[in-house]
């Protein structure tokens, strides 16, 4: 079992090519004994974004604060605090902050060994 305030989890810069003003906290992972899923919290500054990328696993997202655009190859979707988002495996995507405040969202993914 783990109980910890999110602010006590180290925040790191998203270092993938194409990311701008995006940071992440790995809140729960296999290192905590979670066998299946990892929970990450992203903070994207105004004008920032995650990389435009894809991978073989899904994203399940809950938007905590702010507003943004989810960019896909052929469409975009506006979202705001309180919205939930599902990104399918192998679907190219990017989260962009289009608001005036930080965009914060939780993102759940399979643990790395589940993604292979």
Protein backbone atom coordinates (compact mmCIF):
# COMPACT_ATOMS: atom_id res chain seq x y z
CA UNK A 1 0.00 0.00 0.00
CA UNK A 2 1.14 3.55 -0.70
CA UNK A 3 -0.22 6.86 0.54
CA UNK A 4 1.70 9.96 -0.55
CA UNK A 5 0.93 13.53 -1.51
CA UNK A 6 1.56 14.15 -5.21
CA UNK A 7 3.69 17.21 -4.39
CA UNK A 8 6.21 14.91 -2.68
CA UNK A 9 6.82 13.02 -5.94
CA UNK A 10 9.71 14.37 -8.00
CA UNK A 11 8.66 16.28 -11.12
CA UNK A 12 10.83 15.73 -14.20
CA UNK A 13 10.96 17.47 -17.56
CA UNK A 14 9.46 15.46 -20.43
CA UNK A 15 12.66 14.87 -22.41
CA UNK A 16 11.17 13.36 -25.58
CA UNK A 17 11.90 15.18 -28.84
CA UNK A 18 9.04 17.53 -29.69
CA UNK A 19 7.96 18.21 -26.11
CA UNK A 20 7.77 21.84 -24.98
CA UNK A 21 7.23 23.11 -21.41
CA UNK A 22 5.93 19.71 -20.23
CA UNK A 23 6.72 18.02 -16.91
CA UNK A 24 5.68 14.69 -15.40
CA UNK A 25 5.38 13.03 -11.98
CA UNK A 26 5.34 9.22 -11.87
CA UNK A 27 2.78 8.84 -9.07
CA UNK A 28 2.34 5.06 -9.04
CA UNK A 29 4.29 2.42 -10.95
CA UNK A 30 5.74 -1.07 -10.79
CA UNK A 31 8.34 0.34 -8.36
CA UNK A 32 5.45 0.71 -5.87
CA UNK A 33 4.36 -2.88 -6.46
CA UNK A 34 1.58 -1.99 -8.91
CA UNK A 35 1.46 -5.05 -11.20
CA UNK A 36 -0.47 -3.64 -14.14
CA UNK A 37 -0.71 0.15 -14.45
CA UNK A 38 1.29 3.33 -13.99
CA UNK A 39 -0.33 6.63 -13.01
CA UNK A 40 1.41 9.77 -14.21
CA UNK A 41 0.57 13.43 -13.65
CA UNK A 42 1.52 15.88 -16.38
CA UNK A 43 1.81 19.65 -16.09
CA UNK A 44 2.02 21.56 -19.36
CA UNK A 45 2.69 25.31 -19.25
CA UNK A 46 0.66 27.73 -21.40
CA UNK A 47 1.79 27.35 -25.02
CA UNK A 48 3.47 24.01 -24.23
CA UNK A 49 2.74 20.51 -25.49
CA UNK A 50 3.69 16.87 -25.31
CA UNK A 51 5.43 15.32 -28.34
CA UNK A 52 3.35 14.31 -31.36
CA UNK A 53 3.91 10.56 -31.11
CA UNK A 54 2.37 7.09 -30.91
CA UNK A 55 3.03 3.78 -29.14
CA UNK A 56 1.49 0.32 -28.84
CA UNK A 57 -0.47 1.00 -25.63
CA UNK A 58 -3.51 3.06 -24.66
CA UNK A 59 -3.74 6.27 -22.64
CA UNK A 60 -6.55 6.88 -20.19
CA UNK A 61 -6.60 10.54 -19.15
CA UNK A 62 -8.47 12.65 -16.60
CA UNK A 63 -8.04 16.43 -16.96
CA UNK A 64 -7.54 18.09 -13.57
CA UNK A 65 -6.97 21.74 -14.50
CA UNK A 66 -6.80 23.97 -17.54
CA UNK A 67 -7.83 23.50 -21.14
CA UNK A 68 -6.21 22.10 -24.21
CA UNK A 69 -6.39 20.48 -27.60
CA UNK A 70 -5.77 16.82 -28.31
CA UNK A 71 -4.20 16.67 -31.75
CA UNK A 72 -4.51 13.51 -33.84
CA UNK A 73 -3.39 12.91 -37.42
CA UNK A 74 -6.66 14.01 -39.01
CA UNK A 75 -8.59 15.79 -36.25
CA UNK A 76 -8.35 17.81 -33.07
CA UNK A 77 -10.50 17.76 -29.95
CA UNK A 78 -10.83 20.57 -27.42
CA UNK A 79 -10.94 19.54 -23.76
CA UNK A 80 -11.12 21.16 -20.31
CA UNK A 81 -10.92 20.32 -16.61
CA UNK A 82 -13.23 17.44 -15.73
CA UNK A 83 -13.04 15.78 -19.16
CA UNK A 84 -11.88 12.21 -19.69
CA UNK A 85 -9.88 11.16 -22.75
CA UNK A 86 -9.08 7.77 -24.28
CA UNK A 87 -6.25 7.45 -26.81
CA UNK A 88 -6.12 4.07 -28.58
CA UNK A 89 -2.90 2.10 -29.07
CA UNK A 90 -0.89 3.24 -32.13
CA UNK A 91 -2.96 6.44 -32.50
CA UNK A 92 -0.70 9.45 -33.09
CA UNK A 93 -1.47 12.15 -30.51
CA UNK A 94 -0.31 15.32 -28.80
CA UNK A 95 -1.69 17.24 -25.81
CA UNK A 96 -1.42 21.02 -26.29
CA UNK A 97 -2.10 23.69 -23.67
CA UNK A 98 -4.18 26.43 -25.29
CA UNK A 99 -5.19 28.15 -22.06
CA UNK A 100 -3.74 30.88 -19.86
CA UNK A 101 -2.95 28.59 -16.90
CA UNK A 102 -1.10 25.31 -16.46
CA UNK A 103 -2.76 22.25 -17.95
CA UNK A 104 -2.70 19.33 -15.49
CA UNK A 105 -3.88 15.81 -16.22
CA UNK A 106 -3.56 12.28 -14.93
CA UNK A 107 -2.54 9.67 -17.49
CA UNK A 108 -2.79 5.94 -16.85
CA UNK A 109 -0.80 3.49 -18.95
CA UNK A 110 0.23 -0.16 -18.65
CA UNK A 111 3.49 -0.76 -16.80
CA UNK A 112 6.46 -1.04 -19.20
CA UNK A 113 6.61 -4.86 -19.21
CA UNK A 114 2.89 -4.91 -20.15
CA UNK A 115 3.59 -2.72 -23.21
CA UNK A 116 5.91 -5.17 -24.97
